[in-house]
Amino acid sequence: MPIQTVFSKKGNGIVELFPEFKEGLRDLEGFSHIMLIYQFHKSKGYRLLCRPFFDEVQRGVFATRAPARPNPIGISIVKARKIRGNKIAVASLDVLDGTPLLDIKPYVPRFDAPEPKRVGWFEEALGKKKARLKADNRFTDIKRK
């Protein structure tokens, strides 16, 4: 499992909506990328402090992208390849098969990609060592609260 969509080299997949939502996909083909908002349904709880990928230091969960969160919601920006019926073929997917999809939004760089000035602890952590590109099991042993 890649830890972010930018590391998902082979992450091709299909996003399938319930048939009654098919009409809502109209006009989405004009966008190269979409945002998927989903539930981390395999998350078994959370800790307010965790050791994130790329780092060895405990961080506050809201300063990380850890899947074990008080509200286990994830967001991924993926390439929209083709829409057919109630299915979207996508690339750069970093979501488990069967993950419950909550919403889809078009990705618009002017709205969704402001130029950041600071990236917190990531700046130093990313410069220290080669990043691990796959998830490990650090969040699978957390019990749901």
Protein backbone atom coordinates (compact mmCIF):
# COMPACT_ATOMS: atom_id res chain seq x y z
CA MET A 1 0.00 0.00 0.00
CA PRO A 2 1.61 3.29 -1.03
CA ILE A 3 1.49 5.89 1.71
CA GLN A 4 0.51 8.78 -0.58
CA THR A 5 -0.81 9.03 -4.13
CA VAL A 6 2.46 10.50 -5.45
CA PHE A 7 4.20 7.21 -4.56
CA SER A 8 1.50 5.06 -6.18
CA LYS A 9 3.20 3.98 -9.41
CA LYS A 10 0.95 0.94 -9.99
CA GLY A 11 -2.16 2.22 -8.22
CA ASN A 12 -4.66 1.81 -11.02
CA GLY A 13 -8.18 1.03 -9.90
CA ILE A 14 -11.89 1.55 -10.24
CA VAL A 15 -14.01 3.81 -8.08
CA GLU A 16 -17.53 2.43 -8.10
CA LEU A 17 -20.55 4.41 -6.98
CA PHE A 18 -23.99 3.07 -6.21
CA PRO A 19 -25.97 3.19 -9.49
CA GLU A 20 -28.34 5.83 -8.14
CA PHE A 21 -25.41 8.32 -7.95
CA LYS A 22 -24.34 7.85 -11.60
CA GLU A 23 -25.96 11.10 -12.76
CA GLY A 24 -23.75 13.01 -10.32
CA LEU A 25 -20.70 12.05 -12.39
CA ARG A 26 -21.88 14.16 -15.32
CA ASP A 27 -19.25 16.73 -16.40
CA LEU A 28 -16.53 15.14 -14.25
CA GLU A 29 -14.74 13.83 -17.38
CA GLY A 30 -13.43 17.34 -18.02
CA PHE A 31 -11.12 17.08 -14.98
CA SER A 32 -7.76 15.29 -15.09
CA HIS A 33 -7.72 14.78 -11.31
CA ILE A 34 -10.35 14.23 -8.63
CA MET A 35 -10.33 14.20 -4.84
CA LEU A 36 -11.63 11.09 -3.15
CA ILE A 37 -12.88 11.51 0.41
CA TYR A 38 -13.23 8.21 2.21
CA GLN A 39 -13.35 6.41 5.52
CA PHE A 40 -10.31 4.58 6.89
CA HIS A 41 -12.51 1.56 7.54
CA LYS A 42 -9.64 -0.68 8.66
CA SER A 43 -8.44 1.80 11.26
CA LYS A 44 -8.89 0.29 14.72
CA GLY A 45 -8.79 3.40 16.85
CA TYR A 46 -6.40 6.26 17.34
CA ARG A 47 -3.70 7.85 19.45
CA LEU A 48 -3.34 11.59 19.76
CA LEU A 49 0.43 11.10 19.53
CA CYS A 50 1.92 8.83 16.88
CA ARG A 51 5.16 8.18 15.05
CA PRO A 52 4.44 9.10 11.43
CA PHE A 53 6.05 7.83 8.26
CA PHE A 54 9.30 9.67 7.44
CA ASP A 55 10.02 10.38 11.10
CA GLU A 56 11.12 8.76 14.36
CA VAL A 57 9.59 11.40 16.65
CA GLN A 58 6.14 11.25 18.25
CA ARG A 59 3.91 13.91 16.67
CA GLY A 60 0.38 15.12 17.30
CA VAL A 61 -1.99 13.16 15.04
CA PHE A 62 -3.30 16.37 13.44
CA ALA A 63 0.26 17.24 12.33
CA THR A 64 0.46 13.92 10.46
CA ARG A 65 -1.31 11.97 7.76
CA ALA A 66 -1.71 8.90 9.96
CA PRO A 67 -4.83 6.81 9.19
CA ALA A 68 -5.52 6.16 12.88
CA ARG A 69 -7.43 9.38 13.64
CA PRO A 70 -10.32 10.39 15.93
CA ASN A 71 -12.44 10.80 12.76
CA PRO A 72 -10.89 8.28 10.35
CA ILE A 73 -11.38 10.22 7.12
CA GLY A 74 -8.88 10.20 4.26
CA ILE A 75 -8.43 12.37 1.18
CA SER A 76 -6.58 11.31 -1.96
CA ILE A 77 -6.03 13.20 -5.20
CA VAL A 78 -6.03 10.72 -8.09
CA LYS A 79 -5.92 10.85 -11.87
CA ALA A 80 -9.35 10.36 -13.44
CA ARG A 81 -8.78 8.24 -16.54
CA LYS A 82 -12.25 7.30 -17.81
CA ILE A 83 -15.82 7.38 -16.60
CA ARG A 84 -18.15 4.64 -17.71
CA GLY A 85 -21.58 4.42 -16.13
CA ASN A 86 -21.20 4.54 -12.36
CA LYS A 87 -17.46 3.67 -12.45
CA ILE A 88 -14.37 5.85 -12.68
CA ALA A 89 -11.06 4.35 -13.80
CA VAL A 90 -8.33 6.08 -11.80
CA ALA A 91 -4.55 6.07 -11.47
CA SER A 92 -2.27 6.93 -8.51
CA LEU A 93 -4.69 5.27 -6.11
CA ASP A 94 -3.58 4.74 -2.50
CA VAL A 95 -6.82 3.35 -1.09
CA LEU A 96 -7.61 -0.22 -0.01
CA ASP A 97 -10.08 -2.25 -2.04
CA GLY A 98 -13.54 -1.93 -0.52
CA THR A 99 -12.88 1.40 1.18
CA PRO A 100 -16.15 3.29 1.76
CA LEU A 101 -16.24 6.40 -0.43
CA LEU A 102 -17.84 9.44 1.20
CA ASP A 103 -17.54 11.99 -1.60
CA ILE A 104 -15.81 12.98 -4.84
CA LYS A 105 -14.75 16.51 -5.73
CA PRO A 106 -13.01 17.88 -8.80
CA TYR A 107 -9.40 18.86 -8.16
CA VAL A 108 -8.81 22.50 -9.13
CA PRO A 109 -5.18 23.57 -8.50
CA ARG A 110 -6.05 27.25 -8.17
CA PHE A 111 -8.39 26.39 -5.28
CA ASP A 112 -6.76 23.28 -3.86
CA ALA A 113 -3.00 23.87 -4.14
CA PRO A 114 -1.99 27.14 -2.50
CA GLU A 115 1.74 27.82 -2.47
CA PRO A 116 2.90 26.68 1.01
CA LYS A 117 5.41 28.73 2.96
CA ARG A 118 6.15 26.08 5.61
CA VAL A 119 5.62 22.32 5.85
CA GLY A 120 6.41 21.86 9.55
CA TRP A 121 8.42 18.85 10.67
CA PHE A 122 8.14 17.25 7.18
CA GLU A 123 10.75 19.68 5.86
CA GLU A 124 13.52 18.24 8.02
CA ALA A 125 12.27 14.63 7.98
CA LEU A 126 12.06 14.44 4.19
CA GLY A 127 15.57 15.81 3.85
CA LYS A 128 17.13 13.31 6.30
CA LYS A 129 16.61 9.98 4.60
CA LYS A 130 15.07 8.24 1.66
CA ALA A 131 11.34 8.00 2.23
CA ARG A 132 9.65 4.64 2.78
CA LEU A 133 7.17 4.29 -0.04
CA LYS A 134 4.92 1.61 1.44
CA ALA A 135 2.80 1.54 4.56
CA ASP A 136 3.89 -0.62 7.47
CA ASN A 137 1.82 -1.96 10.36
CA ARG A 138 2.34 0.84 12.88
CA PHE A 139 -1.39 1.72 12.91
CA THR A 140 -2.92 -1.76 12.82
CA ASP A 141 -2.57 -2.56 16.52
CA ILE A 142 -4.46 0.46 17.83
CA LYS A 143 -7.73 -0.37 19.59
CA ARG A 144 -10.83 1.69 18.83
CA LYS A 145 -11.77 4.05 21.66
